[in-house]
Amino acid sequence: MIDDFLYGTAGHTGALAEVEAAVRAAAAAEIMPRHRKLAAHEIIEKSGPHDLVTAADRLAEEHLTAALTNLLPGSVVVGEEAVHADPAVYDALGGDAPVWIVDPVDGTRQFVRGESGFCTLVALAQHGEVHASWTYAPVLGEMAVALRGRGATLNGTPIRSGAPAPGAVLNVAMSHPDYTTEAQKRALLGLRTEGIAARPCGSAGLEYLAVARGAQDATAFNWEYAWDHAAGLLLVTEAGGAQATLSGAPFRIAGGNDLPFSAARDETTLQRVLAALRTGG
């Protein structure tokens, strides 16, 4: 079903462009008109002061849910805001139907501050495998698309993650302290070592894009919500990078991973980061 949608009988369809258009339309209609113009009542705390949702998040997800399921009849949506309202929605990741995994505004805190470092993330998956992804940063004017087995592009141009120079200090974006428990902070202490320069992450989607384009060496995260990671992990791997959990197994979008996990520009960098993480805790 997904293969027919993405590739068609002749191997070429307009599906990728149609999804890209839907993502751009949702941002244009619901996100950008509210950028730097949010009213106080349009910002709500969920679990705490660092876990925010805005009218833009909610309305963009509703827009995308309607558009994406219309493009692929029989598909379902696992969106961050829908799962917040009904956690059972997340179970669709383990079902048989094609699943659109949606984070309408990844980097909500940056969006609320009026900054540019946020994006919309969409991934298409089935049976636990991500087949395609879209990462759109509207203020930055960047659209990254990845298709399983067919590479990754940024604004239509192929991108490759490459590899750090031998012996170079690794630049690693890690889970932000505001979003980690004390136990999780301890698990990330291994990154505080010679040869690694670790910093708190911003938008997860943009951190993955930085790895995919070779502007950053790796990420290290210890939360596993699929909407934050599905799109970016495919983007990195299709750009030539690598990803794995602490056990060495690939990250599973349905959950149950051995955390923390990492995505990196190449396999050697990935193994260096995982080795450092194993010394934490």
Protein backbone atom coordinates (compact mmCIF):
# COMPACT_ATOMS: atom_id res chain seq x y z
CA MET A 1 0.00 0.00 0.00
CA ILE A 2 2.76 2.44 0.93
CA ASP A 3 4.90 1.33 -2.02
CA ASP A 4 2.04 2.00 -4.43
CA PHE A 5 1.47 5.40 -2.85
CA LEU A 6 5.11 6.48 -2.87
CA TYR A 7 6.35 4.91 -6.10
CA GLY A 8 3.34 3.98 -8.24
CA THR A 9 3.33 1.21 -10.82
CA ALA A 10 5.94 2.97 -12.96
CA GLY A 11 8.14 3.95 -10.04
CA HIS A 12 7.20 7.62 -10.20
CA THR A 13 4.29 9.45 -8.62
CA GLY A 14 3.56 12.90 -7.33
CA ALA A 15 2.98 11.61 -3.81
CA LEU A 16 6.14 13.10 -2.32
CA ALA A 17 5.33 16.49 -3.78
CA GLU A 18 1.71 16.25 -2.62
CA VAL A 19 2.77 15.57 0.95
CA GLU A 20 5.31 18.37 0.78
CA ALA A 21 2.58 20.70 -0.44
CA ALA A 22 0.31 19.62 2.42
CA VAL A 23 3.05 20.32 4.97
CA ARG A 24 3.75 23.74 3.49
CA ALA A 25 0.03 24.55 3.40
CA ALA A 26 -0.47 23.64 7.06
CA ALA A 27 2.44 25.85 8.06
CA ALA A 28 1.23 28.73 5.92
CA ALA A 29 -2.33 28.52 7.22
CA GLU A 30 -1.86 27.73 10.91
CA ILE A 31 1.73 28.28 12.03
CA MET A 32 3.26 31.29 10.31
CA PRO A 33 0.30 33.64 10.90
CA ARG A 34 0.87 33.05 14.64
CA HIS A 35 4.66 33.33 14.63
CA ARG A 36 5.57 36.24 16.91
CA LYS A 37 1.85 37.01 17.20
CA LEU A 38 0.68 34.48 19.81
CA ALA A 39 -1.81 35.76 22.36
CA ALA A 40 -1.41 34.65 25.97
CA HIS A 41 -4.51 32.44 25.79
CA GLU A 42 -3.00 30.60 22.79
CA ILE A 43 -0.15 29.18 24.91
CA ILE A 44 -0.93 26.34 27.33
CA GLU A 45 1.29 24.33 29.67
CA LYS A 46 0.84 20.57 29.40
CA SER A 47 2.96 18.67 31.93
CA GLY A 48 4.88 21.76 33.11
CA PRO A 49 6.43 25.10 32.14
CA HIS A 50 8.81 23.49 29.65
CA ASP A 51 6.09 21.42 27.95
CA LEU A 52 4.02 23.89 25.96
CA VAL A 53 1.31 23.66 23.33
CA THR A 54 -0.02 26.52 21.28
CA ALA A 55 -2.99 27.12 19.01
CA ALA A 56 -0.56 26.69 16.12
CA ASP A 57 0.37 23.16 17.25
CA ARG A 58 -3.23 22.07 17.61
CA LEU A 59 -4.61 23.64 14.44
CA ALA A 60 -1.66 22.61 12.26
CA GLU A 61 -2.05 19.01 13.43
CA GLU A 62 -5.75 19.08 12.62
CA HIS A 63 -4.95 20.51 9.19
CA LEU A 64 -2.34 17.84 8.50
CA THR A 65 -4.53 15.01 9.79
CA ALA A 66 -7.25 15.88 7.30
CA ALA A 67 -4.87 16.46 4.39
CA LEU A 68 -2.65 13.40 4.87
CA THR A 69 -5.42 10.86 5.41
CA ASN A 70 -7.12 12.25 2.31
CA LEU A 71 -3.95 11.66 0.29
CA LEU A 72 -3.65 8.07 1.52
CA PRO A 73 -7.08 6.55 2.28
CA GLY A 74 -6.95 3.94 5.03
CA SER A 75 -4.02 5.62 6.76
CA VAL A 76 -4.10 6.94 10.32
CA VAL A 77 -2.31 9.72 12.15
CA VAL A 78 -0.26 9.57 15.33
CA GLY A 79 0.21 13.22 16.24
CA GLU A 80 1.71 14.71 19.37
CA GLU A 81 -1.41 16.63 20.32
CA ALA A 82 -3.81 13.76 19.57
CA VAL A 83 -1.76 11.44 21.77
CA HIS A 84 -1.74 14.03 24.55
CA ALA A 85 -5.54 14.02 24.40
CA ASP A 86 -5.81 10.22 24.09
CA PRO A 87 -2.67 8.13 24.77
CA ALA A 88 -4.29 5.10 23.11
CA VAL A 89 -3.75 6.80 19.74
CA TYR A 90 -0.06 5.87 20.04
CA ASP A 91 -0.95 2.18 19.72
CA ALA A 92 -1.51 2.69 15.99
CA LEU A 93 2.27 2.50 15.56
CA GLY A 94 1.98 -1.23 16.18
CA GLY A 95 -1.03 -1.78 13.91
CA ASP A 96 -1.34 -2.75 10.26
CA ALA A 97 -2.50 0.55 8.76
CA PRO A 98 -0.03 3.05 7.29
CA VAL A 99 0.72 5.69 9.92
CA TRP A 100 1.50 9.35 9.49
CA ILE A 101 3.66 10.44 12.44
CA VAL A 102 3.21 14.17 12.96
CA ASP A 103 4.84 16.82 15.12
CA PRO A 104 3.13 20.01 13.98
CA VAL A 105 5.59 22.37 15.72
CA ASP A 106 8.81 20.71 16.81
CA GLY A 107 10.55 23.28 18.96
CA THR A 108 7.45 24.83 20.48
CA ARG A 109 9.48 26.72 23.05
CA GLN A 110 11.49 28.39 20.29
CA PHE A 111 8.26 29.13 18.42
CA VAL A 112 6.73 30.74 21.50
CA ARG A 113 9.83 32.91 21.88
CA GLY A 114 9.46 34.11 18.29
CA GLU A 115 12.68 32.42 17.19
CA SER A 116 13.31 30.67 13.87
CA GLY A 117 14.49 27.30 15.23
CA PHE A 118 11.33 25.22 14.87
CA CYS A 119 9.98 22.89 12.22
CA THR A 120 7.12 20.65 11.20
CA LEU A 121 7.89 16.92 11.11
CA VAL A 122 5.97 14.29 9.16
CA ALA A 123 6.92 10.65 8.63
CA LEU A 124 5.09 7.79 6.92
CA ALA A 125 5.52 4.38 8.51
CA GLN A 126 4.02 0.90 8.52
CA HIS A 127 4.79 -2.15 10.67
CA GLY A 128 7.44 -0.20 12.55
CA GLU A 129 9.42 0.86 9.47
CA VAL A 130 9.65 4.48 8.36
CA HIS A 131 9.38 4.82 4.58
CA ALA A 132 9.48 8.57 4.01
CA SER A 133 9.87 11.79 5.96
CA TRP A 134 9.51 15.53 5.60
CA THR A 135 11.23 18.16 7.78
CA TYR A 136 10.06 21.70 7.12
CA ALA A 137 11.52 24.81 8.76
CA PRO A 138 9.30 27.58 7.38
CA VAL A 139 11.21 30.59 8.73
CA LEU A 140 14.51 29.17 7.53
CA GLY A 141 13.03 28.22 4.16
CA GLU A 142 14.26 24.62 4.41
CA MET A 143 12.44 21.45 3.33
CA ALA A 144 14.29 18.16 3.82
CA VAL A 145 12.80 14.97 2.37
CA ALA A 146 13.99 11.40 2.83
CA LEU A 147 12.78 8.27 1.05
CA ARG A 148 13.85 4.85 2.29
CA GLY A 149 16.53 3.44 0.01
CA ARG A 150 16.52 6.50 -2.24
CA GLY A 151 18.43 9.12 -0.30
CA ALA A 152 17.78 12.50 1.26
CA THR A 153 17.43 15.99 -0.16
CA LEU A 154 17.38 19.53 1.18
CA ASN A 155 15.39 21.96 -0.96
CA GLY A 156 15.65 19.43 -3.77
CA THR A 157 19.43 18.97 -3.59
CA PRO A 158 20.87 15.63 -2.37
CA ILE A 159 22.66 15.83 0.97
CA ARG A 160 25.27 13.58 2.56
CA SER A 161 26.32 13.55 6.18
CA GLY A 162 29.97 12.78 5.51
CA ALA A 163 32.32 12.14 8.43
CA PRO A 164 34.20 14.30 10.94
CA ALA A 165 37.88 14.90 10.33
CA PRO A 166 40.05 12.26 12.05
CA GLY A 167 40.69 13.23 15.67
CA ALA A 168 38.26 16.16 15.57
CA VAL A 169 36.23 17.03 18.65
CA LEU A 170 32.69 15.72 18.14
CA ASN A 171 29.87 18.23 18.35
CA VAL A 172 26.89 16.46 19.94
CA ALA A 173 23.41 17.80 20.69
CA MET A 174 21.95 16.02 23.70
CA SER A 175 18.62 15.98 25.54
CA HIS A 176 17.95 19.38 27.08
CA PRO A 177 18.30 19.38 30.91
CA ASP A 178 14.84 20.95 31.21
CA TYR A 179 13.36 17.77 29.77
CA THR A 180 15.37 15.18 31.71
CA THR A 181 15.05 13.54 35.10
CA GLU A 182 18.02 13.27 37.44
CA ALA A 183 18.58 9.65 36.36
CA GLN A 184 18.55 10.69 32.71
CA LYS A 185 21.03 13.48 33.40
CA ARG A 186 23.39 10.95 34.93
CA ALA A 187 23.06 8.73 31.86
CA LEU A 188 24.26 11.59 29.67
CA LEU A 189 27.26 12.42 31.84
CA GLY A 190 29.39 10.14 29.70
CA LEU A 191 29.35 12.82 27.01
CA ARG A 192 31.27 15.14 29.33
CA THR A 193 34.56 13.70 28.19
CA GLU A 194 37.60 14.65 26.18
CA GLY A 195 36.94 14.64 22.47
CA ILE A 196 33.23 15.44 22.74
CA ALA A 197 31.63 18.87 22.95
CA ALA A 198 28.05 18.30 24.11
CA ARG A 199 25.35 20.94 24.30
CA PRO A 200 21.60 20.96 25.03
CA CYS A 201 19.47 20.38 21.97
CA GLY A 202 16.93 22.72 20.45
CA SER A 203 14.35 21.39 18.02
CA ALA A 204 15.08 17.66 17.62
CA GLY A 205 14.09 17.78 13.97
CA LEU A 206 16.57 20.54 13.21
CA GLU A 207 19.31 18.74 15.15
CA TYR A 208 18.78 15.68 12.95
CA LEU A 209 18.88 17.87 9.85
CA ALA A 210 22.19 19.34 11.01
CA VAL A 211 23.63 15.81 11.30
CA ALA A 212 22.24 14.80 7.90
CA ARG A 213 23.86 17.77 6.17
CA GLY A 214 27.18 17.35 8.03
CA ALA A 215 26.88 20.51 10.12
CA GLN A 216 26.79 18.57 13.39
CA ASP A 217 28.36 15.25 14.31
CA ALA A 218 25.72 13.47 16.40
CA THR A 219 22.70 13.59 18.67
CA ALA A 220 22.07 11.79 21.96
CA PHE A 221 18.52 11.60 23.25
CA ASN A 222 16.85 9.73 26.10
CA TRP A 223 13.20 10.10 25.22
CA GLU A 224 11.53 8.12 22.47
CA TYR A 225 8.32 9.81 21.29
CA ALA A 226 8.07 8.83 17.64
CA TRP A 227 6.98 12.27 16.45
CA ASP A 228 10.31 13.74 17.58
CA HIS A 229 12.52 11.09 16.01
CA ALA A 230 10.93 9.14 13.14
CA ALA A 231 11.44 11.79 10.46
CA GLY A 232 14.94 12.74 11.55
CA LEU A 233 16.30 9.24 11.94
CA LEU A 234 15.30 8.34 8.38
CA LEU A 235 16.77 11.63 7.16
CA VAL A 236 20.12 10.90 8.82
CA THR A 237 20.37 7.30 7.63
CA GLU A 238 19.38 8.17 4.07
CA ALA A 239 22.05 10.87 4.08
CA GLY A 240 24.63 8.19 4.92
CA GLY A 241 24.58 8.39 8.71
CA ALA A 242 23.90 5.75 11.33
CA GLN A 243 21.74 5.31 14.43
CA ALA A 244 21.44 2.89 17.35
CA THR A 245 20.32 2.61 20.95
CA LEU A 246 22.57 1.98 23.93
CA SER A 247 22.36 -1.79 23.34
CA GLY A 248 23.48 -1.36 19.74
CA ALA A 249 20.08 -2.23 18.31
CA PRO A 250 18.32 0.15 15.91
CA PHE A 251 15.83 2.60 17.41
CA ARG A 252 12.24 1.30 17.29
CA ILE A 253 9.57 3.92 16.67
CA ALA A 254 6.97 1.97 18.67
CA GLY A 255 9.11 2.24 21.81
CA GLY A 256 10.78 -0.11 24.26
CA ASN A 257 14.28 1.11 23.37
CA ASP A 258 17.42 0.85 25.48
CA LEU A 259 18.05 4.53 26.16
CA PRO A 260 19.88 6.82 25.52
CA PHE A 261 20.24 6.44 21.75
CA SER A 262 22.24 8.29 19.14
CA ALA A 263 22.24 9.29 15.49
CA ALA A 264 25.53 10.28 13.90
CA ARG A 265 27.17 11.27 10.63
CA ASP A 266 28.80 7.86 10.21
CA GLU A 267 29.17 4.52 11.94
CA THR A 268 32.52 5.37 13.54
CA THR A 269 31.13 8.52 15.11
CA LEU A 270 28.06 6.62 16.30
CA GLN A 271 30.19 4.05 18.07
CA ARG A 272 32.29 6.76 19.77
CA VAL A 273 29.16 8.43 21.09
CA LEU A 274 27.58 5.17 22.26
CA ALA A 275 30.82 4.17 24.02
CA ALA A 276 30.80 7.51 25.87
CA LEU A 277 27.14 7.11 26.81
CA ARG A 278 27.80 3.68 28.27
CA THR A 279 30.15 5.24 30.81
CA GLY A 280 27.34 7.45 32.13
CA GLY A 281 24.65 6.54 34.64
